[in-house]
Amino acid sequence: MNIIYWTSTSLVSLMLILSSYTYLFNKSTIEGIRELGFPDFFRIELAILKIVGVIILLLPSIPIQIKEWSYAGIGLFFITAIVAHTAHRDSIILTIINLIFIGLLIVSNIYLHKTI
């Protein structure tokens, strides 16, 4: 069970870290976020919150109640991404990718509770 938890959690965390990096340093991503209608402060806020979420998910010493809030926040990020990309009429691939990561997030949460 630990392998499923750590694999799903690591994949979600890796995606969030890579996403945070592009939110802060990749010109095309920064422009894409502007095209979606989000202001720069929101882009930076999301990048920081993603990093905080990853830290909370990966540190075993964090209390379960705080981890649950992190799961909720990360889930809301994925849902918001789906809504924003759908409203912008972006490729369905982006929605599918976000749905896959929602699935991985759910698996991570389920197996977190099984490892306790």
N, C-alpha and C. Protein backbone atom coordinates (compact mmCIF):
# COMPACT_ATOMS: atom_id res chain seq x y z
N MET A 1 0.82 -1.20 0.00
CA MET A 1 0.00 0.00 0.00
C MET A 1 0.86 1.26 0.00
N ASN A 2 2.00 1.20 0.68
CA ASN A 2 2.89 2.36 0.71
C ASN A 2 3.37 2.75 -0.67
N ILE A 3 3.62 1.77 -1.53
CA ILE A 3 4.13 2.07 -2.87
C ILE A 3 3.09 2.83 -3.69
N ILE A 4 1.82 2.46 -3.54
CA ILE A 4 0.75 3.15 -4.27
C ILE A 4 0.63 4.58 -3.76
N TYR A 5 0.67 4.74 -2.43
CA TYR A 5 0.58 6.09 -1.85
C TYR A 5 1.73 6.96 -2.34
N TRP A 6 2.96 6.47 -2.22
CA TRP A 6 4.12 7.30 -2.56
C TRP A 6 4.23 7.53 -4.06
N THR A 7 3.81 6.59 -4.87
CA THR A 7 3.84 6.79 -6.32
C THR A 7 2.84 7.86 -6.73
N SER A 8 1.61 7.74 -6.29
CA SER A 8 0.58 8.73 -6.66
C SER A 8 0.91 10.11 -6.09
N THR A 9 1.37 10.15 -4.85
CA THR A 9 1.71 11.42 -4.22
C THR A 9 2.90 12.07 -4.91
N SER A 10 3.89 11.26 -5.27
CA SER A 10 5.08 11.79 -5.96
C SER A 10 4.74 12.32 -7.34
N LEU A 11 3.87 11.63 -8.08
CA LEU A 11 3.48 12.11 -9.41
C LEU A 11 2.73 13.44 -9.33
N VAL A 12 1.80 13.53 -8.39
CA VAL A 12 1.07 14.79 -8.20
C VAL A 12 2.03 15.90 -7.78
N SER A 13 2.93 15.58 -6.86
CA SER A 13 3.88 16.57 -6.36
C SER A 13 4.82 17.04 -7.47
N LEU A 14 5.30 16.11 -8.28
CA LEU A 14 6.18 16.47 -9.38
C LEU A 14 5.48 17.40 -10.36
N MET A 15 4.24 17.08 -10.68
CA MET A 15 3.47 17.94 -11.59
C MET A 15 3.31 19.34 -11.01
N LEU A 16 3.01 19.41 -9.71
CA LEU A 16 2.80 20.71 -9.07
C LEU A 16 4.10 21.53 -9.02
N ILE A 17 5.22 20.88 -8.75
CA ILE A 17 6.50 21.59 -8.72
C ILE A 17 6.87 22.09 -10.12
N LEU A 18 6.71 21.24 -11.13
CA LEU A 18 7.00 21.66 -12.51
C LEU A 18 6.07 22.80 -12.94
N SER A 19 4.82 22.70 -12.56
CA SER A 19 3.85 23.74 -12.87
C SER A 19 4.23 25.05 -12.19
N SER A 20 4.62 24.97 -10.92
CA SER A 20 5.04 26.18 -10.19
C SER A 20 6.23 26.83 -10.87
N TYR A 21 7.18 26.00 -11.27
CA TYR A 21 8.37 26.53 -11.94
C TYR A 21 7.97 27.29 -13.21
N THR A 22 7.09 26.67 -14.03
CA THR A 22 6.70 27.34 -15.27
C THR A 22 5.87 28.59 -15.00
N TYR A 23 5.07 28.57 -13.93
CA TYR A 23 4.29 29.76 -13.57
C TYR A 23 5.20 30.93 -13.25
N LEU A 24 6.38 30.65 -12.73
CA LEU A 24 7.28 31.71 -12.30
C LEU A 24 8.33 32.09 -13.35
N PHE A 25 8.74 31.14 -14.20
CA PHE A 25 9.90 31.39 -15.04
C PHE A 25 9.71 31.15 -16.54
N ASN A 26 8.62 30.57 -16.97
CA ASN A 26 8.43 30.26 -18.38
C ASN A 26 7.56 31.33 -19.04
N LYS A 27 8.14 32.04 -20.02
CA LYS A 27 7.42 33.15 -20.65
C LYS A 27 6.11 32.72 -21.31
N SER A 28 6.11 31.57 -21.99
CA SER A 28 4.89 31.16 -22.67
C SER A 28 3.80 30.78 -21.66
N THR A 29 4.18 30.18 -20.55
CA THR A 29 3.19 29.86 -19.51
C THR A 29 2.64 31.14 -18.89
N ILE A 30 3.52 32.09 -18.62
CA ILE A 30 3.10 33.37 -18.03
C ILE A 30 2.12 34.07 -18.97
N GLU A 31 2.42 34.08 -20.26
CA GLU A 31 1.52 34.69 -21.23
C GLU A 31 0.20 33.91 -21.32
N GLY A 32 0.30 32.58 -21.27
CA GLY A 32 -0.91 31.76 -21.33
C GLY A 32 -1.84 32.02 -20.15
N ILE A 33 -1.28 32.22 -18.99
CA ILE A 33 -2.10 32.51 -17.81
C ILE A 33 -2.75 33.88 -17.95
N ARG A 34 -2.02 34.83 -18.52
CA ARG A 34 -2.60 36.16 -18.78
C ARG A 34 -3.76 36.04 -19.78
N GLU A 35 -3.57 35.20 -20.81
CA GLU A 35 -4.62 35.01 -21.81
C GLU A 35 -5.88 34.39 -21.21
N LEU A 36 -5.70 33.58 -20.17
CA LEU A 36 -6.86 33.01 -19.48
C LEU A 36 -7.60 34.06 -18.67
N GLY A 37 -6.99 35.23 -18.50
CA GLY A 37 -7.64 36.32 -17.80
C GLY A 37 -7.22 36.48 -16.35
N PHE A 38 -6.19 35.74 -15.93
CA PHE A 38 -5.74 35.83 -14.54
C PHE A 38 -4.65 36.88 -14.40
N PRO A 39 -4.70 37.69 -13.34
CA PRO A 39 -3.64 38.69 -13.12
C PRO A 39 -2.35 38.03 -12.63
N ASP A 40 -1.24 38.77 -12.76
CA ASP A 40 0.07 38.25 -12.38
C ASP A 40 0.15 37.85 -10.91
N PHE A 41 -0.48 38.64 -10.03
CA PHE A 41 -0.39 38.29 -8.61
C PHE A 41 -1.03 36.93 -8.33
N PHE A 42 -2.06 36.58 -9.08
CA PHE A 42 -2.73 35.29 -8.89
C PHE A 42 -1.84 34.15 -9.36
N ARG A 43 -1.12 34.36 -10.46
CA ARG A 43 -0.17 33.37 -10.98
C ARG A 43 0.91 33.08 -9.94
N ILE A 44 1.45 34.12 -9.34
CA ILE A 44 2.50 33.97 -8.32
C ILE A 44 1.92 33.31 -7.08
N GLU A 45 0.73 33.72 -6.69
CA GLU A 45 0.07 33.11 -5.53
C GLU A 45 -0.15 31.62 -5.74
N LEU A 46 -0.63 31.24 -6.92
CA LEU A 46 -0.84 29.82 -7.22
C LEU A 46 0.47 29.04 -7.18
N ALA A 47 1.53 29.61 -7.72
CA ALA A 47 2.83 28.93 -7.70
C ALA A 47 3.29 28.68 -6.27
N ILE A 48 3.16 29.68 -5.42
CA ILE A 48 3.58 29.53 -4.02
C ILE A 48 2.70 28.52 -3.30
N LEU A 49 1.39 28.59 -3.51
CA LEU A 49 0.48 27.65 -2.86
C LEU A 49 0.72 26.21 -3.30
N LYS A 50 1.08 26.02 -4.57
CA LYS A 50 1.40 24.68 -5.05
C LYS A 50 2.63 24.13 -4.33
N ILE A 51 3.64 24.97 -4.17
CA ILE A 51 4.86 24.54 -3.48
C ILE A 51 4.56 24.20 -2.02
N VAL A 52 3.77 25.03 -1.37
CA VAL A 52 3.37 24.76 0.02
C VAL A 52 2.59 23.45 0.10
N GLY A 53 1.69 23.24 -0.84
CA GLY A 53 0.90 22.00 -0.88
C GLY A 53 1.79 20.78 -1.02
N VAL A 54 2.79 20.86 -1.88
CA VAL A 54 3.72 19.74 -2.07
C VAL A 54 4.48 19.45 -0.77
N ILE A 55 4.95 20.48 -0.12
CA ILE A 55 5.67 20.29 1.14
C ILE A 55 4.78 19.60 2.16
N ILE A 56 3.54 20.04 2.25
CA ILE A 56 2.61 19.44 3.21
C ILE A 56 2.34 17.97 2.86
N LEU A 57 2.16 17.67 1.57
CA LEU A 57 1.89 16.29 1.18
C LEU A 57 3.08 15.38 1.44
N LEU A 58 4.28 15.88 1.20
CA LEU A 58 5.46 15.01 1.26
C LEU A 58 6.05 14.83 2.65
N LEU A 59 5.84 15.76 3.55
CA LEU A 59 6.40 15.62 4.89
C LEU A 59 5.51 14.73 5.76
N PRO A 60 6.04 13.59 6.19
CA PRO A 60 5.23 12.66 6.98
C PRO A 60 4.82 13.21 8.35
N SER A 61 5.56 14.18 8.87
CA SER A 61 5.28 14.69 10.22
C SER A 61 4.11 15.68 10.27
N ILE A 62 3.59 16.07 9.12
CA ILE A 62 2.48 17.02 9.08
C ILE A 62 1.21 16.31 9.54
N PRO A 63 0.44 16.93 10.45
CA PRO A 63 -0.81 16.29 10.92
C PRO A 63 -1.80 16.04 9.77
N ILE A 64 -2.55 14.98 9.91
CA ILE A 64 -3.49 14.55 8.88
C ILE A 64 -4.52 15.62 8.52
N GLN A 65 -4.96 16.40 9.52
CA GLN A 65 -5.96 17.45 9.24
C GLN A 65 -5.39 18.51 8.30
N ILE A 66 -4.13 18.84 8.46
CA ILE A 66 -3.51 19.82 7.56
C ILE A 66 -3.34 19.22 6.17
N LYS A 67 -2.96 17.93 6.11
CA LYS A 67 -2.84 17.26 4.81
C LYS A 67 -4.19 17.27 4.08
N GLU A 68 -5.27 17.07 4.81
CA GLU A 68 -6.60 17.07 4.19
C GLU A 68 -6.91 18.42 3.55
N TRP A 69 -6.53 19.51 4.22
CA TRP A 69 -6.72 20.84 3.64
C TRP A 69 -5.88 21.01 2.38
N SER A 70 -4.69 20.44 2.39
CA SER A 70 -3.83 20.51 1.22
C SER A 70 -4.45 19.73 0.05
N TYR A 71 -4.97 18.54 0.33
CA TYR A 71 -5.65 17.78 -0.72
C TYR A 71 -6.82 18.57 -1.30
N ALA A 72 -7.59 19.21 -0.44
CA ALA A 72 -8.73 20.01 -0.91
C ALA A 72 -8.27 21.16 -1.79
N GLY A 73 -7.24 21.87 -1.35
CA GLY A 73 -6.73 23.00 -2.12
C GLY A 73 -6.18 22.58 -3.47
N ILE A 74 -5.44 21.48 -3.49
CA ILE A 74 -4.88 20.98 -4.75
C ILE A 74 -6.00 20.52 -5.67
N GLY A 75 -7.00 19.87 -5.11
CA GLY A 75 -8.16 19.46 -5.91
C GLY A 75 -8.86 20.66 -6.53
N LEU A 76 -9.02 21.72 -5.75
CA LEU A 76 -9.64 22.94 -6.28
C LEU A 76 -8.79 23.56 -7.39
N PHE A 77 -7.47 23.46 -7.25
CA PHE A 77 -6.61 23.95 -8.32
C PHE A 77 -6.90 23.21 -9.62
N PHE A 78 -6.96 21.88 -9.56
CA PHE A 78 -7.21 21.10 -10.78
C PHE A 78 -8.59 21.41 -11.36
N ILE A 79 -9.58 21.55 -10.51
CA ILE A 79 -10.93 21.89 -11.00
C ILE A 79 -10.94 23.27 -11.64
N THR A 80 -10.27 24.24 -11.01
CA THR A 80 -10.18 25.59 -11.56
C THR A 80 -9.47 25.57 -12.91
N ALA A 81 -8.43 24.75 -13.02
CA ALA A 81 -7.71 24.65 -14.30
C ALA A 81 -8.63 24.11 -15.39
N ILE A 82 -9.43 23.10 -15.05
CA ILE A 82 -10.37 22.55 -16.03
C ILE A 82 -11.36 23.61 -16.48
N VAL A 83 -11.93 24.35 -15.54
CA VAL A 83 -12.91 25.39 -15.87
C VAL A 83 -12.27 26.48 -16.73
N ALA A 84 -11.07 26.93 -16.34
CA ALA A 84 -10.41 28.01 -17.08
C ALA A 84 -10.06 27.58 -18.49
N HIS A 85 -9.52 26.38 -18.64
CA HIS A 85 -9.14 25.92 -19.98
C HIS A 85 -10.36 25.63 -20.84
N THR A 86 -11.43 25.15 -20.25
CA THR A 86 -12.67 24.91 -21.00
C THR A 86 -13.27 26.24 -21.46
N ALA A 87 -13.31 27.22 -20.56
CA ALA A 87 -13.85 28.54 -20.92
C ALA A 87 -13.02 29.20 -22.01
N HIS A 88 -11.73 28.93 -22.01
CA HIS A 88 -10.83 29.50 -23.02
C HIS A 88 -10.83 28.69 -24.31
N ARG A 89 -11.57 27.59 -24.31
CA ARG A 89 -11.69 26.69 -25.45
C ARG A 89 -10.34 26.07 -25.85
N ASP A 90 -9.57 25.72 -24.82
CA ASP A 90 -8.29 25.05 -25.05
C ASP A 90 -8.53 23.58 -25.39
N SER A 91 -7.49 22.91 -25.76
CA SER A 91 -7.56 21.50 -26.15
C SER A 91 -8.15 20.63 -25.03
N ILE A 92 -8.91 19.65 -25.43
CA ILE A 92 -9.50 18.69 -24.48
C ILE A 92 -8.41 17.91 -23.76
N ILE A 93 -7.23 17.85 -24.36
CA ILE A 93 -6.10 17.14 -23.73
C ILE A 93 -5.79 17.74 -22.36
N LEU A 94 -5.87 19.05 -22.24
CA LEU A 94 -5.60 19.71 -20.95
C LEU A 94 -6.62 19.27 -19.89
N THR A 95 -7.86 19.12 -20.28
CA THR A 95 -8.88 18.64 -19.35
C THR A 95 -8.60 17.20 -18.96
N ILE A 96 -8.23 16.38 -19.91
CA ILE A 96 -7.93 14.98 -19.62
C ILE A 96 -6.74 14.87 -18.67
N ILE A 97 -5.70 15.65 -18.91
CA ILE A 97 -4.53 15.64 -18.02
C ILE A 97 -4.93 16.04 -16.61
N ASN A 98 -5.74 17.09 -16.48
CA ASN A 98 -6.18 17.52 -15.15
C ASN A 98 -7.05 16.46 -14.48
N LEU A 99 -7.88 15.78 -15.25
CA LEU A 99 -8.70 14.70 -14.67
C LEU A 99 -7.83 13.53 -14.20
N ILE A 100 -6.78 13.25 -14.94
CA ILE A 100 -5.85 12.19 -14.52
C ILE A 100 -5.21 12.57 -13.19
N PHE A 101 -4.80 13.83 -13.06
CA PHE A 101 -4.17 14.25 -11.81
C PHE A 101 -5.17 14.32 -10.66
N ILE A 102 -6.43 14.62 -10.95
CA ILE A 102 -7.45 14.53 -9.90
C ILE A 102 -7.57 13.08 -9.44
N GLY A 103 -7.56 12.16 -10.39
CA GLY A 103 -7.60 10.73 -10.04
C GLY A 103 -6.41 10.32 -9.19
N LEU A 104 -5.22 10.75 -9.56
CA LEU A 104 -4.02 10.44 -8.77
C LEU A 104 -4.10 11.05 -7.37
N LEU A 105 -4.65 12.26 -7.29
CA LEU A 105 -4.81 12.92 -6.00
C LEU A 105 -5.77 12.12 -5.11
N ILE A 106 -6.85 11.62 -5.69
CA ILE A 106 -7.81 10.82 -4.94
C ILE A 106 -7.16 9.52 -4.47
N VAL A 107 -6.40 8.87 -5.35
CA VAL A 107 -5.69 7.64 -4.97
C VAL A 107 -4.73 7.94 -3.83
N SER A 108 -3.99 9.02 -3.92
CA SER A 108 -3.06 9.40 -2.87
C SER A 108 -3.78 9.58 -1.54
N ASN A 109 -4.91 10.27 -1.56
CA ASN A 109 -5.67 10.51 -0.33
C ASN A 109 -6.21 9.21 0.25
N ILE A 110 -6.73 8.34 -0.58
CA ILE A 110 -7.27 7.06 -0.11
C ILE A 110 -6.16 6.25 0.55
N TYR A 111 -5.01 6.17 -0.11
CA TYR A 111 -3.93 5.35 0.41
C TYR A 111 -3.20 6.01 1.58
N LEU A 112 -3.31 7.31 1.71
CA LEU A 112 -2.81 7.97 2.91
C LEU A 112 -3.53 7.42 4.13
N HIS A 113 -4.85 7.32 4.01
CA HIS A 113 -5.66 6.82 5.13
C HIS A 113 -5.44 5.33 5.38
N LYS A 114 -5.06 4.58 4.35
CA LYS A 114 -4.79 3.16 4.54
C LYS A 114 -3.43 2.90 5.18
N THR A 115 -2.51 3.88 5.05
CA THR A 115 -1.17 3.69 5.62
C THR A 115 -1.08 4.15 7.07
N ILE A 116 -2.12 4.79 7.55
CA ILE A 116 -2.08 5.29 8.93
C ILE A 116 -2.34 4.17 9.91
